[in-house]
Amino acid sequence: MVLAGFGHRLGARIIDYFLVNILVWLLTFGILVFIAAAYPDMEETSDAFNTTFGLLFLFGWGVAVFLYDWFFIAATGRTPGKMMTRLRVVSADGAPLSQGQSALRSAAFGLPHSLPCLGHLFVFVSGLVASGDDNAQSLHDKMARTVVVVAR
């Protein structure tokens, strides 16, 4: 089992952030198109709609990252970014992940993104922990008892 280094993991994360960003923008565009089609006579949206949509856009990023990560990690042990960089998430003992491990790992990584600035700082520090750890585990890996390995 060859542990993935910090740079390798960072590359996978950058790809995943790019893909999540595309998915969120497509979902946002789809919602707006649906609303425009459902209410063709509506000239402007209400303040409540604008506030709700703004809050969802601001704080929903963490939920989007969590769901993206959980879906792929639970299904295959790899996100698309990890697939492209040949990485895999496994249990610290080398076994495949349980559903609980994948959910906990994804929640501990993704949900802090919902807190503007503070959440991103937490994720940054969590990633730095991996660079100095003997098992290359970030905080979300330690919580879920997982490691990221180079797939063969």
Protein backbone atom coordinates (compact mmCIF):
# COMPACT_ATOMS: atom_id res chain seq x y z
CA MET A 1 0.00 0.00 0.00
CA VAL A 2 1.67 3.23 -1.20
CA LEU A 3 0.33 6.31 0.57
CA ALA A 4 -0.52 9.31 -1.61
CA GLY A 5 1.56 12.42 -1.03
CA PHE A 6 0.26 15.90 -0.34
CA GLY A 7 0.84 17.21 -3.87
CA HIS A 8 -0.82 14.20 -5.47
CA ARG A 9 -3.87 14.63 -3.22
CA LEU A 10 -3.97 18.37 -3.86
CA GLY A 11 -4.06 17.78 -7.61
CA ALA A 12 -7.03 15.43 -7.22
CA ARG A 13 -8.83 17.98 -5.02
CA ILE A 14 -8.32 20.79 -7.51
CA ILE A 15 -9.91 18.64 -10.23
CA ASP A 16 -12.80 17.76 -7.90
CA TYR A 17 -13.39 21.40 -6.94
CA PHE A 18 -13.52 22.30 -10.61
CA LEU A 19 -16.08 19.54 -11.30
CA VAL A 20 -18.23 20.41 -8.26
CA ASN A 21 -18.20 24.03 -9.37
CA ILE A 22 -19.47 23.03 -12.82
CA LEU A 23 -22.20 20.85 -11.28
CA VAL A 24 -23.35 23.63 -8.94
CA TRP A 25 -23.49 26.17 -11.78
CA LEU A 26 -25.43 23.72 -13.98
CA LEU A 27 -27.88 23.04 -11.15
CA THR A 28 -28.29 26.76 -10.51
CA PHE A 29 -28.86 27.43 -14.20
CA GLY A 30 -31.34 24.54 -14.37
CA ILE A 31 -33.33 25.90 -11.44
CA LEU A 32 -33.48 29.35 -13.00
CA VAL A 33 -34.57 27.95 -16.37
CA PHE A 34 -37.25 25.85 -14.64
CA ILE A 35 -38.58 28.88 -12.77
CA ALA A 36 -38.60 30.97 -15.95
CA ALA A 37 -40.50 28.22 -17.79
CA ALA A 38 -42.96 27.65 -14.94
CA TYR A 39 -43.72 31.36 -14.50
CA PRO A 40 -43.35 32.99 -17.93
CA ASP A 41 -45.24 36.14 -16.87
CA MET A 42 -43.06 36.80 -13.82
CA GLU A 43 -41.09 39.98 -14.34
CA GLU A 44 -39.02 39.84 -11.16
CA THR A 45 -38.53 37.54 -8.20
CA SER A 46 -39.59 38.28 -4.65
CA ASP A 47 -37.21 39.41 -1.92
CA ALA A 48 -37.84 36.12 -0.09
CA PHE A 49 -36.82 34.14 -3.18
CA ASN A 50 -33.70 36.25 -3.67
CA THR A 51 -32.72 35.87 -0.01
CA THR A 52 -33.33 32.12 -0.01
CA PHE A 53 -31.46 31.59 -3.27
CA GLY A 54 -28.57 33.75 -2.05
CA LEU A 55 -28.30 31.87 1.26
CA LEU A 56 -28.44 28.52 -0.52
CA PHE A 57 -25.73 29.63 -2.91
CA LEU A 58 -23.56 30.99 -0.07
CA PHE A 59 -23.99 28.17 2.46
CA GLY A 60 -24.93 25.28 0.17
CA TRP A 61 -21.39 24.78 -1.14
CA GLY A 62 -20.53 22.52 1.81
CA VAL A 63 -23.56 20.32 1.18
CA ALA A 64 -22.66 20.08 -2.51
CA VAL A 65 -19.06 19.08 -1.72
CA PHE A 66 -20.27 16.56 0.89
CA LEU A 67 -22.77 14.92 -1.48
CA TYR A 68 -20.30 14.84 -4.38
CA ASP A 69 -17.58 13.31 -2.22
CA TRP A 70 -19.89 10.83 -0.48
CA PHE A 71 -21.53 9.62 -3.67
CA PHE A 72 -18.26 8.78 -5.37
CA ILE A 73 -16.29 7.61 -2.33
CA ALA A 74 -19.11 5.30 -1.18
CA ALA A 75 -19.60 3.88 -4.68
CA THR A 76 -16.02 3.40 -5.83
CA GLY A 77 -13.61 4.70 -3.18
CA ARG A 78 -12.61 7.41 -5.66
CA THR A 79 -13.89 10.79 -6.77
CA PRO A 80 -13.39 11.72 -10.43
CA GLY A 81 -10.32 13.75 -9.41
CA LYS A 82 -8.90 10.74 -7.60
CA MET A 83 -9.68 8.54 -10.62
CA MET A 84 -7.78 10.91 -12.92
CA THR A 85 -4.79 11.02 -10.58
CA ARG A 86 -4.95 7.28 -9.77
CA LEU A 87 -5.76 7.61 -6.07
CA ARG A 88 -8.14 5.58 -3.92
CA VAL A 89 -9.53 5.97 -0.40
CA VAL A 90 -9.37 2.83 1.70
CA SER A 91 -9.78 1.97 5.35
CA ALA A 92 -6.61 2.49 7.38
CA ASP A 93 -6.22 -1.29 7.59
CA GLY A 94 -6.36 -1.56 3.78
CA ALA A 95 -9.92 -2.89 3.59
CA PRO A 96 -12.60 -1.30 1.40
CA LEU A 97 -14.52 1.54 3.03
CA SER A 98 -17.74 0.99 4.92
CA GLN A 99 -20.72 3.24 4.21
CA GLY A 100 -20.23 4.86 7.62
CA GLN A 101 -16.57 5.62 6.95
CA SER A 102 -17.33 7.18 3.58
CA ALA A 103 -20.16 9.28 5.05
CA LEU A 104 -18.07 10.45 8.02
CA ARG A 105 -15.04 11.25 5.86
CA SER A 106 -17.13 13.17 3.33
CA ALA A 107 -19.05 15.06 6.04
CA ALA A 108 -15.88 16.01 7.92
CA PHE A 109 -14.36 17.28 4.69
CA GLY A 110 -17.35 18.79 2.89
CA LEU A 111 -19.64 20.32 5.48
CA PRO A 112 -17.12 22.80 6.91
CA HIS A 113 -17.18 24.47 3.47
CA SER A 114 -20.63 25.80 4.47
CA LEU A 115 -18.99 28.28 6.83
CA PRO A 116 -17.60 31.08 4.67
CA CYS A 117 -13.90 31.72 5.31
CA LEU A 118 -13.77 29.77 8.60
CA GLY A 119 -14.72 26.50 6.91
CA HIS A 120 -12.17 26.98 4.16
CA LEU A 121 -9.51 27.73 6.76
CA PHE A 122 -10.42 24.48 8.55
CA VAL A 123 -10.14 22.51 5.29
CA PHE A 124 -6.78 24.15 4.54
CA VAL A 125 -5.41 23.26 7.98
CA SER A 126 -6.81 19.74 7.63
CA GLY A 127 -4.89 19.34 4.39
CA LEU A 128 -1.69 20.64 5.93
CA VAL A 129 -1.97 18.03 8.66
CA ALA A 130 -1.62 15.37 5.95
CA SER A 131 1.67 16.83 4.78
CA GLY A 132 3.26 16.32 8.21
CA ASP A 133 1.58 13.06 9.19
CA ASP A 134 3.38 9.70 9.09
CA ASN A 135 0.33 8.06 7.46
CA ALA A 136 -0.40 11.08 5.21
CA GLN A 137 -3.80 11.42 6.89
CA SER A 138 -5.67 14.70 6.95
CA LEU A 139 -8.13 15.39 9.77
CA HIS A 140 -11.09 13.91 7.89
CA ASP A 141 -9.02 10.76 7.22
CA LYS A 142 -8.12 10.46 10.91
CA MET A 143 -11.77 10.87 11.93
CA ALA A 144 -12.96 8.16 9.53
CA ARG A 145 -9.87 5.93 9.93
CA THR A 146 -9.07 6.09 6.23
CA VAL A 147 -5.98 6.67 4.08
CA VAL A 148 -5.53 7.76 0.48
CA VAL A 149 -3.35 5.40 -1.52
CA VAL A 150 -1.95 5.29 -5.01
CA ALA A 151 -4.12 2.81 -6.93
CA ARG A 152 -2.42 0.12 -8.96
